[in-house]
């Protein structure tokens, strides 16, 4: 038996990194749209993680900055403000080509984003 969208949002509210009300506000309170955006995030996250790591390895801070800037926006729209703020800091560091900050902070960011995507994937 498939669970309803209402049940999905109730389950999503249990994810501490996710402010479902903020995410719904960003999608004009349209639950199906919010759930679809969450699904796209979950689907794209593994490949994006590999890309971000590759950008760091090749010192391509412009490519890293473009992708992490996108993460800043999508995470904010999902209601993951803490992770959006981390992405914002990484975005700023990429503009300054602050390699040490990026290499120090990215692993924790990546771990937390992967964890969020895994938790969401169990629901949507």
PDB file of N, CA and C in Angstrom:
ATOM      1  N   UNK A   1       0.839  -1.187   0.000  1.00  0.00           N
ATOM      2  CA  UNK A   1       0.000   0.000   0.000  1.00  0.00           C
ATOM      3  C   UNK A   1       0.883   1.250   0.000  1.00  0.00           C
ATOM      4  N   UNK A   2       0.646   2.111  -0.949  1.00  0.00           N
ATOM      5  CA  UNK A   2       1.425   3.344  -1.062  1.00  0.00           C
ATOM      6  C   UNK A   2       0.936   4.361  -0.033  1.00  0.00           C
ATOM      7  N   UNK A   3       1.888   5.103   0.523  1.00  0.00           N
ATOM      8  CA  UNK A   3       1.495   6.111   1.505  1.00  0.00           C
ATOM      9  C   UNK A   3       1.108   7.405   0.792  1.00  0.00           C
ATOM     10  N   UNK A   4       0.260   8.171   1.440  1.00  0.00           N
ATOM     11  CA  UNK A   4      -0.239   9.416   0.859  1.00  0.00           C
ATOM     12  C   UNK A   4       0.818  10.516   0.958  1.00  0.00           C
ATOM     13  N   UNK A   5       0.609  11.566   0.193  1.00  0.00           N
ATOM     14  CA  UNK A   5       1.512  12.721   0.267  1.00  0.00           C
ATOM     15  C   UNK A   5       1.522  13.324   1.666  1.00  0.00           C
ATOM     16  N   UNK A   6       0.368  13.334   2.309  1.00  0.00           N
ATOM     17  CA  UNK A   6       0.281  13.865   3.674  1.00  0.00           C
ATOM     18  C   UNK A   6       1.133  13.017   4.628  1.00  0.00           C
ATOM     19  N   UNK A   7       1.058  11.705   4.473  1.00  0.00           N
ATOM     20  CA  UNK A   7       1.876  10.818   5.308  1.00  0.00           C
ATOM     21  C   UNK A   7       3.366  11.029   5.021  1.00  0.00           C
ATOM     22  N   UNK A   8       3.703  11.246   3.757  1.00  0.00           N
ATOM     23  CA  UNK A   8       5.102  11.498   3.398  1.00  0.00           C
ATOM     24  C   UNK A   8       5.604  12.777   4.064  1.00  0.00           C
ATOM     25  N   UNK A   9       4.800  13.828   4.024  1.00  0.00           N
ATOM     26  CA  UNK A   9       5.252  15.074   4.650  1.00  0.00           C
ATOM     27  C   UNK A   9       5.373  14.907   6.163  1.00  0.00           C
ATOM     28  N   UNK A  10       4.474  14.131   6.755  1.00  0.00           N
ATOM     29  CA  UNK A  10       4.586  13.862   8.194  1.00  0.00           C
ATOM     30  C   UNK A  10       5.899  13.134   8.503  1.00  0.00           C
ATOM     31  N   UNK A  11       6.265  12.164   7.676  1.00  0.00           N
ATOM     32  CA  UNK A  11       7.531  11.447   7.871  1.00  0.00           C
ATOM     33  C   UNK A  11       8.729  12.358   7.629  1.00  0.00           C
ATOM     34  N   UNK A  12       8.635  13.219   6.628  1.00  0.00           N
ATOM     35  CA  UNK A  12       9.722  14.144   6.334  1.00  0.00           C
ATOM     36  C   UNK A  12       9.972  15.101   7.498  1.00  0.00           C
ATOM     37  N   UNK A  13       8.920  15.450   8.220  1.00  0.00           N
ATOM     38  CA  UNK A  13       9.056  16.362   9.359  1.00  0.00           C
ATOM     39  C   UNK A  13       9.940  15.764  10.464  1.00  0.00           C
ATOM     40  N   UNK A  14      10.135  14.461  10.436  1.00  0.00           N
ATOM     41  CA  UNK A  14      10.981  13.811  11.450  1.00  0.00           C
ATOM     42  C   UNK A  14      12.470  13.970  11.147  1.00  0.00           C
ATOM     43  N   UNK A  15      12.802  14.436   9.957  1.00  0.00           N
ATOM     44  CA  UNK A  15      14.203  14.637   9.580  1.00  0.00           C
ATOM     45  C   UNK A  15      14.638  15.982  10.132  1.00  0.00           C
ATOM     46  N   UNK A  16      15.543  15.961  11.104  1.00  0.00           N
ATOM     47  CA  UNK A  16      15.870  17.190  11.822  1.00  0.00           C
ATOM     48  C   UNK A  16      16.521  18.252  10.940  1.00  0.00           C
ATOM     49  N   UNK A  17      17.207  17.852   9.880  1.00  0.00           N
ATOM     50  CA  UNK A  17      17.878  18.820   9.004  1.00  0.00           C
ATOM     51  C   UNK A  17      16.919  19.508   8.050  1.00  0.00           C
ATOM     52  N   UNK A  18      15.658  19.077   8.040  1.00  0.00           N
ATOM     53  CA  UNK A  18      14.698  19.529   7.037  1.00  0.00           C
ATOM     54  C   UNK A  18      13.554  20.291   7.691  1.00  0.00           C
ATOM     55  N   UNK A  19      13.336  21.523   7.258  1.00  0.00           N
ATOM     56  CA  UNK A  19      12.193  22.314   7.692  1.00  0.00           C
ATOM     57  C   UNK A  19      11.153  22.209   6.574  1.00  0.00           C
ATOM     58  N   UNK A  20      10.269  21.258   6.707  1.00  0.00           N
ATOM     59  CA  UNK A  20       9.282  20.968   5.666  1.00  0.00           C
ATOM     60  C   UNK A  20       8.416  22.194   5.377  1.00  0.00           C
ATOM     61  N   UNK A  21       8.046  22.951   6.404  1.00  0.00           N
ATOM     62  CA  UNK A  21       7.213  24.132   6.180  1.00  0.00           C
ATOM     63  C   UNK A  21       7.933  25.161   5.308  1.00  0.00           C
ATOM     64  N   UNK A  22       9.221  25.343   5.527  1.00  0.00           N
ATOM     65  CA  UNK A  22      10.001  26.265   4.684  1.00  0.00           C
ATOM     66  C   UNK A  22      10.070  25.744   3.251  1.00  0.00           C
ATOM     67  N   UNK A  23      10.247  24.441   3.101  1.00  0.00           N
ATOM     68  CA  UNK A  23      10.284  23.848   1.771  1.00  0.00           C
ATOM     69  C   UNK A  23       8.957  23.978   1.048  1.00  0.00           C
ATOM     70  N   UNK A  24       7.881  23.767   1.785  1.00  0.00           N
ATOM     71  CA  UNK A  24       6.548  23.919   1.177  1.00  0.00           C
ATOM     72  C   UNK A  24       6.280  25.379   0.810  1.00  0.00           C
ATOM     73  N   UNK A  25       6.752  26.291   1.625  1.00  0.00           N
ATOM     74  CA  UNK A  25       6.586  27.715   1.315  1.00  0.00           C
ATOM     75  C   UNK A  25       7.300  28.045   0.004  1.00  0.00           C
ATOM     76  N   UNK A  26       8.486  27.474  -0.193  1.00  0.00           N
ATOM     77  CA  UNK A  26       9.259  27.730  -1.413  1.00  0.00           C
ATOM     78  C   UNK A  26       8.576  27.161  -2.655  1.00  0.00           C
ATOM     79  N   UNK A  27       7.687  26.192  -2.468  1.00  0.00           N
ATOM     80  CA  UNK A  27       6.957  25.597  -3.601  1.00  0.00           C
ATOM     81  C   UNK A  27       5.480  25.996  -3.566  1.00  0.00           C
ATOM     82  N   UNK A  28       5.208  27.157  -3.006  1.00  0.00           N
ATOM     83  CA  UNK A  28       3.835  27.693  -2.936  1.00  0.00           C
ATOM     84  C   UNK A  28       2.876  26.710  -2.265  1.00  0.00           C
ATOM     85  N   UNK A  29       3.389  25.975  -1.282  1.00  0.00           N
ATOM     86  CA  UNK A  29       2.617  25.005  -0.494  1.00  0.00           C
ATOM     87  C   UNK A  29       2.036  23.880  -1.356  1.00  0.00           C
ATOM     88  N   UNK A  30       2.657  23.631  -2.479  1.00  0.00           N
ATOM     89  CA  UNK A  30       2.207  22.562  -3.383  1.00  0.00           C
ATOM     90  C   UNK A  30       2.986  21.291  -3.039  1.00  0.00           C
ATOM     91  N   UNK A  31       2.355  20.425  -2.259  1.00  0.00           N
ATOM     92  CA  UNK A  31       3.003  19.213  -1.759  1.00  0.00           C
ATOM     93  C   UNK A  31       3.554  18.339  -2.885  1.00  0.00           C
ATOM     94  N   UNK A  32       2.796  18.072  -3.961  1.00  0.00           N
ATOM     95  CA  UNK A  32       3.363  17.232  -5.027  1.00  0.00           C
ATOM     96  C   UNK A  32       4.631  17.830  -5.650  1.00  0.00           C
ATOM     97  N   UNK A  33       4.661  19.149  -5.789  1.00  0.00           N
ATOM     98  CA  UNK A  33       5.853  19.812  -6.344  1.00  0.00           C
ATOM     99  C   UNK A  33       7.026  19.659  -5.373  1.00  0.00           C
ATOM    100  N   UNK A  34       6.777  19.883  -4.106  1.00  0.00           N
ATOM    101  CA  UNK A  34       7.822  19.736  -3.089  1.00  0.00           C
ATOM    102  C   UNK A  34       8.387  18.317  -3.101  1.00  0.00           C
ATOM    103  N   UNK A  35       7.517  17.332  -3.147  1.00  0.00           N
ATOM    104  CA  UNK A  35       7.968  15.940  -3.159  1.00  0.00           C
ATOM    105  C   UNK A  35       8.763  15.628  -4.428  1.00  0.00           C
ATOM    106  N   UNK A  36       8.353  16.203  -5.540  1.00  0.00           N
ATOM    107  CA  UNK A  36       9.080  15.995  -6.795  1.00  0.00           C
ATOM    108  C   UNK A  36      10.478  16.605  -6.713  1.00  0.00           C
ATOM    109  N   UNK A  37      10.582  17.812  -6.157  1.00  0.00           N
ATOM    110  CA  UNK A  37      11.881  18.475  -6.005  1.00  0.00           C
ATOM    111  C   UNK A  37      12.780  17.645  -5.080  1.00  0.00           C
ATOM    112  N   UNK A  38      12.212  17.123  -4.015  1.00  0.00           N
ATOM    113  CA  UNK A  38      12.983  16.246  -3.126  1.00  0.00           C
ATOM    114  C   UNK A  38      13.483  15.020  -3.885  1.00  0.00           C
ATOM    115  N   UNK A  39      12.632  14.441  -4.708  1.00  0.00           N
ATOM    116  CA  UNK A  39      13.016  13.271  -5.493  1.00  0.00           C
ATOM    117  C   UNK A  39      14.141  13.572  -6.468  1.00  0.00           C
ATOM    118  N   UNK A  40      14.089  14.731  -7.097  1.00  0.00           N
ATOM    119  CA  UNK A  40      15.155  15.140  -8.024  1.00  0.00           C
ATOM    120  C   UNK A  40      16.467  15.311  -7.265  1.00  0.00           C
ATOM    121  N   UNK A  41      16.398  15.939  -6.099  1.00  0.00           N
ATOM    122  CA  UNK A  41      17.596  16.105  -5.258  1.00  0.00           C
ATOM    123  C   UNK A  41      18.203  14.745  -4.934  1.00  0.00           C
ATOM    124  N   UNK A  42      17.378  13.806  -4.513  1.00  0.00           N
ATOM    125  CA  UNK A  42      17.846  12.463  -4.152  1.00  0.00           C
ATOM    126  C   UNK A  42      18.489  11.775  -5.359  1.00  0.00           C
ATOM    127  N   UNK A  43      17.850  11.912  -6.509  1.00  0.00           N
ATOM    128  CA  UNK A  43      18.350  11.262  -7.731  1.00  0.00           C
ATOM    129  C   UNK A  43      19.701  11.835  -8.170  1.00  0.00           C
ATOM    130  N   UNK A  44      19.862  13.145  -8.084  1.00  0.00           N
ATOM    131  CA  UNK A  44      21.069  13.803  -8.581  1.00  0.00           C
ATOM    132  C   UNK A  44      22.217  13.813  -7.586  1.00  0.00           C
ATOM    133  N   UNK A  45      21.931  13.639  -6.315  1.00  0.00           N
ATOM    134  CA  UNK A  45      22.946  13.821  -5.282  1.00  0.00           C
ATOM    135  C   UNK A  45      24.182  12.941  -5.461  1.00  0.00           C
ATOM    136  N   UNK A  46      24.070  11.648  -5.731  1.00  0.00           N
ATOM    137  CA  UNK A  46      25.298  10.838  -5.833  1.00  0.00           C
ATOM    138  C   UNK A  46      26.244  11.319  -6.938  1.00  0.00           C
ATOM    139  N   UNK A  47      25.696  11.624  -8.100  1.00  0.00           N
ATOM    140  CA  UNK A  47      26.539  12.100  -9.196  1.00  0.00           C
ATOM    141  C   UNK A  47      27.137  13.474  -8.880  1.00  0.00           C
ATOM    142  N   UNK A  48      26.343  14.334  -8.260  1.00  0.00           N
ATOM    143  CA  UNK A  48      26.839  15.659  -7.891  1.00  0.00           C
ATOM    144  C   UNK A  48      27.979  15.552  -6.880  1.00  0.00           C
ATOM    145  N   UNK A  49      27.878  14.622  -5.961  1.00  0.00           N
ATOM    146  CA  UNK A  49      28.929  14.414  -4.967  1.00  0.00           C
ATOM    147  C   UNK A  49      30.244  14.038  -5.646  1.00  0.00           C
ATOM    148  N   UNK A  50      30.147  13.146  -6.616  1.00  0.00           N
ATOM    149  CA  UNK A  50      31.340  12.730  -7.367  1.00  0.00           C
ATOM    150  C   UNK A  50      31.920  13.917  -8.130  1.00  0.00           C
ATOM    151  N   UNK A  51      31.054  14.703  -8.752  1.00  0.00           N
ATOM    152  CA  UNK A  51      31.512  15.881  -9.499  1.00  0.00           C
ATOM    153  C   UNK A  51      32.225  16.876  -8.577  1.00  0.00           C
ATOM    154  N   UNK A  52      31.618  17.151  -7.433  1.00  0.00           N
ATOM    155  CA  UNK A  52      32.229  18.104  -6.496  1.00  0.00           C
ATOM    156  C   UNK A  52      33.604  17.619  -6.040  1.00  0.00           C
ATOM    157  N   UNK A  53      33.710  16.341  -5.717  1.00  0.00           N
ATOM    158  CA  UNK A  53      35.003  15.785  -5.309  1.00  0.00           C
ATOM    159  C   UNK A  53      36.019  15.897  -6.443  1.00  0.00           C
ATOM    160  N   UNK A  54      35.578  15.639  -7.667  1.00  0.00           N
ATOM    161  CA  UNK A  54      36.462  15.748  -8.820  1.00  0.00           C
ATOM    162  C   UNK A  54      36.946  17.162  -9.037  1.00  0.00           C
ATOM    163  N   UNK A  55      36.061  18.126  -8.845  1.00  0.00           N
ATOM    164  CA  UNK A  55      36.463  19.527  -8.971  1.00  0.00           C
ATOM    165  C   UNK A  55      37.538  19.879  -7.949  1.00  0.00           C
ATOM    166  N   UNK A  56      37.399  19.367  -6.749  1.00  0.00           N
ATOM    167  CA  UNK A  56      38.404  19.639  -5.717  1.00  0.00           C
ATOM    168  C   UNK A  56      39.730  18.993  -6.101  1.00  0.00           C
ATOM    169  N   UNK A  57      39.676  17.736  -6.511  1.00  0.00           N
ATOM    170  CA  UNK A  57      40.904  17.019  -6.878  1.00  0.00           C
ATOM    171  C   UNK A  57      41.655  17.707  -8.013  1.00  0.00           C
ATOM    172  N   UNK A  58      40.911  18.281  -8.948  1.00  0.00           N
ATOM    173  CA  UNK A  58      41.560  18.933 -10.094  1.00  0.00           C
ATOM    174  C   UNK A  58      41.743  20.434  -9.885  1.00  0.00           C
ATOM    175  N   UNK A  59      41.450  20.915  -8.686  1.00  0.00           N
ATOM    176  CA  UNK A  59      41.568  22.335  -8.334  1.00  0.00           C
ATOM    177  C   UNK A  59      40.728  23.216  -9.270  1.00  0.00           C
ATOM    178  N   UNK A  60      39.593  22.696  -9.720  1.00  0.00           N
ATOM    179  CA  UNK A  60      38.667  23.458 -10.563  1.00  0.00           C
ATOM    180  C   UNK A  60      37.662  24.145  -9.643  1.00  0.00           C
ATOM    181  N   UNK A  61      38.084  25.272  -9.077  1.00  0.00           N
ATOM    182  CA  UNK A  61      37.235  25.945  -8.101  1.00  0.00           C
ATOM    183  C   UNK A  61      36.092  26.700  -8.758  1.00  0.00           C
ATOM    184  N   UNK A  62      36.216  26.998 -10.039  1.00  0.00           N
ATOM    185  CA  UNK A  62      35.098  27.617 -10.756  1.00  0.00           C
ATOM    186  C   UNK A  62      33.972  26.593 -10.923  1.00  0.00           C
ATOM    187  N   UNK A  63      34.300  25.396 -11.387  1.00  0.00           N
ATOM    188  CA  UNK A  63      33.298  24.338 -11.530  1.00  0.00           C
ATOM    189  C   UNK A  63      32.696  23.974 -10.183  1.00  0.00           C
ATOM    190  N   UNK A  64      33.547  23.867  -9.180  1.00  0.00           N
ATOM    191  CA  UNK A  64      33.082  23.568  -7.826  1.00  0.00           C
ATOM    192  C   UNK A  64      32.102  24.643  -7.365  1.00  0.00           C
ATOM    193  N   UNK A  65      32.467  25.901  -7.600  1.00  0.00           N
ATOM    194  CA  UNK A  65      31.634  27.019  -7.164  1.00  0.00           C
ATOM    195  C   UNK A  65      30.263  27.027  -7.827  1.00  0.00           C
ATOM    196  N   UNK A  66      30.235  26.729  -9.123  1.00  0.00           N
ATOM    197  CA  UNK A  66      28.956  26.710  -9.838  1.00  0.00           C
ATOM    198  C   UNK A  66      28.033  25.652  -9.232  1.00  0.00           C
ATOM    199  N   UNK A  67      28.567  24.450  -9.019  1.00  0.00           N
ATOM    200  CA  UNK A  67      27.728  23.363  -8.504  1.00  0.00           C
ATOM    201  C   UNK A  67      27.345  23.587  -7.043  1.00  0.00           C
ATOM    202  N   UNK A  68      28.273  24.038  -6.237  1.00  0.00           N
ATOM    203  CA  UNK A  68      27.954  24.242  -4.817  1.00  0.00           C
ATOM    204  C   UNK A  68      26.991  25.428  -4.651  1.00  0.00           C
ATOM    205  N   UNK A  69      27.068  26.410  -5.566  1.00  0.00           N
ATOM    206  CA  UNK A  69      26.110  27.520  -5.542  1.00  0.00           C
ATOM    207  C   UNK A  69      24.698  26.987  -5.805  1.00  0.00           C
ATOM    208  N   UNK A  70      24.596  26.055  -6.744  1.00  0.00           N
ATOM    209  CA  UNK A  70      23.305  25.406  -7.000  1.00  0.00           C
ATOM    210  C   UNK A  70      22.800  24.668  -5.776  1.00  0.00           C
ATOM    211  N   UNK A  71      23.713  24.019  -5.070  1.00  0.00           N
ATOM    212  CA  UNK A  71      23.334  23.324  -3.834  1.00  0.00           C
ATOM    213  C   UNK A  71      22.820  24.309  -2.796  1.00  0.00           C
ATOM    214  N   UNK A  72      23.463  25.474  -2.710  1.00  0.00           N
ATOM    215  CA  UNK A  72      23.014  26.491  -1.762  1.00  0.00           C
ATOM    216  C   UNK A  72      21.543  26.808  -2.004  1.00  0.00           C
ATOM    217  N   UNK A  73      21.192  26.971  -3.276  1.00  0.00           N
ATOM    218  CA  UNK A  73      19.811  27.308  -3.627  1.00  0.00           C
ATOM    219  C   UNK A  73      18.858  26.149  -3.383  1.00  0.00           C
ATOM    220  N   UNK A  74      19.197  24.976  -3.896  1.00  0.00           N
ATOM    221  CA  UNK A  74      18.271  23.840  -3.773  1.00  0.00           C
ATOM    222  C   UNK A  74      18.078  23.448  -2.314  1.00  0.00           C
ATOM    223  N   UNK A  75      19.150  23.441  -1.539  1.00  0.00           N
ATOM    224  CA  UNK A  75      19.014  23.085  -0.128  1.00  0.00           C
ATOM    225  C   UNK A  75      18.144  24.098   0.609  1.00  0.00           C
ATOM    226  N   UNK A  76      18.298  25.370   0.266  1.00  0.00           N
ATOM    227  CA  UNK A  76      17.443  26.392   0.862  1.00  0.00           C
ATOM    228  C   UNK A  76      15.985  26.172   0.495  1.00  0.00           C
ATOM    229  N   UNK A  77      15.744  25.839  -0.776  1.00  0.00           N
ATOM    230  CA  UNK A  77      14.371  25.604  -1.228  1.00  0.00           C
ATOM    231  C   UNK A  77      13.765  24.340  -0.631  1.00  0.00           C
ATOM    232  N   UNK A  78      14.604  23.378  -0.300  1.00  0.00           N
ATOM    233  CA  UNK A  78      14.103  22.155   0.328  1.00  0.00           C
ATOM    234  C   UNK A  78      13.761  22.366   1.794  1.00  0.00           C
ATOM    235  N   UNK A  79      14.334  23.422   2.384  1.00  0.00           N
ATOM    236  CA  UNK A  79      14.139  23.671   3.806  1.00  0.00           C
ATOM    237  C   UNK A  79      15.297  23.167   4.650  1.00  0.00           C
ATOM    238  N   UNK A  80      16.438  22.937   4.016  1.00  0.00           N
ATOM    239  CA  UNK A  80      17.641  22.485   4.728  1.00  0.00           C
ATOM    240  C   UNK A  80      18.583  23.682   4.898  1.00  0.00           C
ATOM    241  N   UNK A  81      18.171  24.624   5.740  1.00  0.00           N
ATOM    242  CA  UNK A  81      18.887  25.895   5.846  1.00  0.00           C
ATOM    243  C   UNK A  81      20.309  25.749   6.382  1.00  0.00           C
ATOM    244  N   UNK A  82      20.524  24.820   7.296  1.00  0.00           N
ATOM    245  CA  UNK A  82      21.878  24.627   7.827  1.00  0.00           C
ATOM    246  C   UNK A  82      22.843  24.169   6.746  1.00  0.00           C
ATOM    247  N   UNK A  83      22.400  23.239   5.919  1.00  0.00           N
ATOM    248  CA  UNK A  83      23.245  22.764   4.824  1.00  0.00           C
ATOM    249  C   UNK A  83      23.367  23.825   3.736  1.00  0.00           C
ATOM    250  N   UNK A  84      22.333  24.606   3.528  1.00  0.00           N
ATOM    251  CA  UNK A  84      22.395  25.700   2.567  1.00  0.00           C
ATOM    252  C   UNK A  84      23.456  26.713   2.996  1.00  0.00           C
ATOM    253  N   UNK A  85      23.526  26.972   4.289  1.00  0.00           N
ATOM    254  CA  UNK A  85      24.544  27.896   4.816  1.00  0.00           C
ATOM    255  C   UNK A  85      25.952  27.325   4.622  1.00  0.00           C
ATOM    256  N   UNK A  86      26.105  26.036   4.844  1.00  0.00           N
ATOM    257  CA  UNK A  86      27.413  25.404   4.605  1.00  0.00           C
ATOM    258  C   UNK A  86      27.793  25.537   3.133  1.00  0.00           C
ATOM    259  N   UNK A  87      26.831  25.326   2.246  1.00  0.00           N
ATOM    260  CA  UNK A  87      27.081  25.462   0.810  1.00  0.00           C
ATOM    261  C   UNK A  87      27.459  26.899   0.469  1.00  0.00           C
ATOM    262  N   UNK A  88      26.817  27.851   1.125  1.00  0.00           N
ATOM    263  CA  UNK A  88      27.125  29.264   0.902  1.00  0.00           C
ATOM    264  C   UNK A  88      28.574  29.570   1.289  1.00  0.00           C
ATOM    265  N   UNK A  89      29.009  29.019   2.409  1.00  0.00           N
ATOM    266  CA  UNK A  89      30.401  29.223   2.845  1.00  0.00           C
ATOM    267  C   UNK A  89      31.385  28.594   1.862  1.00  0.00           C
ATOM    268  N   UNK A  90      31.049  27.409   1.359  1.00  0.00           N
ATOM    269  CA  UNK A  90      31.901  26.759   0.362  1.00  0.00           C
ATOM    270  C   UNK A  90      31.899  27.541  -0.943  1.00  0.00           C
ATOM    271  N   UNK A  91      30.767  28.095  -1.301  1.00  0.00           N
ATOM    272  CA  UNK A  91      30.665  28.927  -2.500  1.00  0.00           C
ATOM    273  C   UNK A  91      31.579  30.147  -2.373  1.00  0.00           C
ATOM    274  N   UNK A  92      31.519  30.810  -1.238  1.00  0.00           N
ATOM    275  CA  UNK A  92      32.388  31.974  -1.001  1.00  0.00           C
ATOM    276  C   UNK A  92      33.854  31.578  -1.067  1.00  0.00           C
ATOM    277  N   UNK A  93      34.178  30.436  -0.475  1.00  0.00           N
ATOM    278  CA  UNK A  93      35.569  29.965  -0.486  1.00  0.00           C
ATOM    279  C   UNK A  93      36.033  29.657  -1.910  1.00  0.00           C
ATOM    280  N   UNK A  94      35.128  29.148  -2.742  1.00  0.00           N
ATOM    281  CA  UNK A  94      35.514  28.832  -4.119  1.00  0.00           C
ATOM    282  C   UNK A  94      35.834  30.106  -4.897  1.00  0.00           C
ATOM    283  N   UNK A  95      35.110  31.166  -4.619  1.00  0.00           N
ATOM    284  CA  UNK A  95      35.359  32.444  -5.294  1.00  0.00           C
ATOM    285  C   UNK A  95      36.726  33.008  -4.903  1.00  0.00           C
ATOM    286  N   UNK A  96      37.144  32.724  -3.678  1.00  0.00           N
ATOM    287  CA  UNK A  96      38.455  33.184  -3.195  1.00  0.00           C
ATOM    288  C   UNK A  96      39.556  32.171  -3.494  1.00  0.00           C
ATOM    289  N   UNK A  97      39.153  31.043  -4.071  1.00  0.00           N
ATOM    290  CA  UNK A  97      40.072  29.919  -4.313  1.00  0.00           C
ATOM    291  C   UNK A  97      40.775  29.501  -3.013  1.00  0.00           C
ATOM    292  N   UNK A  98      39.988  29.461  -1.944  1.00  0.00           N
ATOM    293  CA  UNK A  98      40.483  29.085  -0.617  1.00  0.00           C
ATOM    294  C   UNK A  98      40.497  27.562  -0.501  1.00  0.00           C
ATOM    295  N   UNK A  99      41.527  26.982  -1.061  1.00  0.00           N
ATOM    296  CA  UNK A  99      41.647  25.523  -1.148  1.00  0.00           C
ATOM    297  C   UNK A  99      41.619  24.861   0.221  1.00  0.00           C
ATOM    298  N   UNK A 100      42.306  25.445   1.198  1.00  0.00           N
ATOM    299  CA  UNK A 100      42.369  24.802   2.514  1.00  0.00           C
ATOM    300  C   UNK A 100      40.990  24.755   3.169  1.00  0.00           C
ATOM    301  N   UNK A 101      40.209  25.835   3.065  1.00  0.00           N
ATOM    302  CA  UNK A 101      38.866  25.839   3.645  1.00  0.00           C
ATOM    303  C   UNK A 101      38.006  24.785   2.968  1.00  0.00           C
ATOM    304  N   UNK A 102      38.059  24.746   1.641  1.00  0.00           N
ATOM    305  CA  UNK A 102      37.230  23.797   0.890  1.00  0.00           C
ATOM    306  C   UNK A 102      37.605  22.362   1.265  1.00  0.00           C
ATOM    307  N   UNK A 103      38.887  22.061   1.278  1.00  0.00           N
ATOM    308  CA  UNK A 103      39.316  20.692   1.591  1.00  0.00           C
ATOM    309  C   UNK A 103      38.994  20.313   3.030  1.00  0.00           C
ATOM    310  N   UNK A 104      38.971  21.298   3.912  1.00  0.00           N
ATOM    311  CA  UNK A 104      38.661  21.041   5.319  1.00  0.00           C
ATOM    312  C   UNK A 104      37.159  20.871   5.536  1.00  0.00           C
ATOM    313  N   UNK A 105      36.343  21.686   4.882  1.00  0.00           N
ATOM    314  CA  UNK A 105      34.908  21.716   5.143  1.00  0.00           C
ATOM    315  C   UNK A 105      34.071  20.807   4.248  1.00  0.00           C
ATOM    316  N   UNK A 106      34.547  20.544   3.032  1.00  0.00           N
ATOM    317  CA  UNK A 106      33.732  19.777   2.097  1.00  0.00           C
ATOM    318  C   UNK A 106      33.392  18.369   2.598  1.00  0.00           C
ATOM    319  N   UNK A 107      34.337  17.618   3.190  1.00  0.00           N
ATOM    320  CA  UNK A 107      33.965  16.252   3.600  1.00  0.00           C
ATOM    321  C   UNK A 107      32.764  16.209   4.547  1.00  0.00           C
ATOM    322  N   UNK A 108      32.687  17.128   5.491  1.00  0.00           N
ATOM    323  CA  UNK A 108      31.547  17.160   6.421  1.00  0.00           C
ATOM    324  C   UNK A 108      30.261  17.560   5.695  1.00  0.00           C
ATOM    325  N   UNK A 109      30.373  18.548   4.817  1.00  0.00           N
ATOM    326  CA  UNK A 109      29.221  18.960   4.018  1.00  0.00           C
ATOM    327  C   UNK A 109      28.714  17.785   3.191  1.00  0.00           C
ATOM    328  N   UNK A 110      29.628  17.119   2.496  1.00  0.00           N
ATOM    329  CA  UNK A 110      29.264  15.993   1.641  1.00  0.00           C
ATOM    330  C   UNK A 110      28.600  14.876   2.449  1.00  0.00           C
ATOM    331  N   UNK A 111      29.161  14.581   3.600  1.00  0.00           N
ATOM    332  CA  UNK A 111      28.608  13.532   4.468  1.00  0.00           C
ATOM    333  C   UNK A 111      27.179  13.882   4.902  1.00  0.00           C
ATOM    334  N   UNK A 112      26.971  15.121   5.274  1.00  0.00           N
ATOM    335  CA  UNK A 112      25.653  15.550   5.750  1.00  0.00           C
ATOM    336  C   UNK A 112      24.630  15.598   4.609  1.00  0.00           C
ATOM    337  N   UNK A 113      25.070  16.011   3.415  1.00  0.00           N
ATOM    338  CA  UNK A 113      24.157  16.033   2.267  1.00  0.00           C
ATOM    339  C   UNK A 113      23.778  14.608   1.873  1.00  0.00           C
ATOM    340  N   UNK A 114      24.758  13.712   1.859  1.00  0.00           N
ATOM    341  CA  UNK A 114      24.472  12.304   1.543  1.00  0.00           C
ATOM    342  C   UNK A 114      23.489  11.714   2.548  1.00  0.00           C
ATOM    343  N   UNK A 115      23.701  12.015   3.815  1.00  0.00           N
ATOM    344  CA  UNK A 115      22.819  11.512   4.865  1.00  0.00           C
ATOM    345  C   UNK A 115      21.393  12.033   4.668  1.00  0.00           C
ATOM    346  N   UNK A 116      21.269  13.329   4.366  1.00  0.00           N
ATOM    347  CA  UNK A 116      19.949  13.903   4.125  1.00  0.00           C
ATOM    348  C   UNK A 116      19.284  13.223   2.937  1.00  0.00           C
ATOM    349  N   UNK A 117      20.028  13.050   1.847  1.00  0.00           N
ATOM    350  CA  UNK A 117      19.466  12.409   0.653  1.00  0.00           C
ATOM    351  C   UNK A 117      19.005  10.972   0.967  1.00  0.00           C
ATOM    352  N   UNK A 118      19.789  10.254   1.756  1.00  0.00           N
ATOM    353  CA  UNK A 118      19.420   8.879   2.128  1.00  0.00           C
ATOM    354  C   UNK A 118      18.124   8.864   2.948  1.00  0.00           C
ATOM    355  N   UNK A 119      18.005   9.794   3.877  1.00  0.00           N
ATOM    356  CA  UNK A 119      16.802   9.860   4.712  1.00  0.00           C
ATOM    357  C   UNK A 119      15.572  10.200   3.869  1.00  0.00           C
ATOM    358  N   UNK A 120      15.734  11.138   2.965  1.00  0.00           N
ATOM    359  CA  UNK A 120      14.616  11.530   2.094  1.00  0.00           C
ATOM    360  C   UNK A 120      14.231  10.377   1.186  1.00  0.00           C
ATOM    361  N   UNK A 121      15.233   9.668   0.659  1.00  0.00           N
ATOM    362  CA  UNK A 121      14.991   8.562  -0.272  1.00  0.00           C
ATOM    363  C   UNK A 121      14.122   7.472   0.345  1.00  0.00           C
ATOM    364  N   UNK A 122      14.230   7.281   1.640  1.00  0.00           N
ATOM    365  CA  UNK A 122      13.411   6.280   2.317  1.00  0.00           C
ATOM    366  C   UNK A 122      11.927   6.640   2.309  1.00  0.00           C
ATOM    367  N   UNK A 123      11.640   7.927   2.066  1.00  0.00           N
ATOM    368  CA  UNK A 123      10.255   8.408   2.168  1.00  0.00           C
ATOM    369  C   UNK A 123       9.639   8.705   0.802  1.00  0.00           C
ATOM    370  N   UNK A 124      10.379   9.399  -0.037  1.00  0.00           N
ATOM    371  CA  UNK A 124       9.791   9.811  -1.316  1.00  0.00           C
ATOM    372  C   UNK A 124      10.121   8.785  -2.385  1.00  0.00           C
TER     373      UNK A 124
END
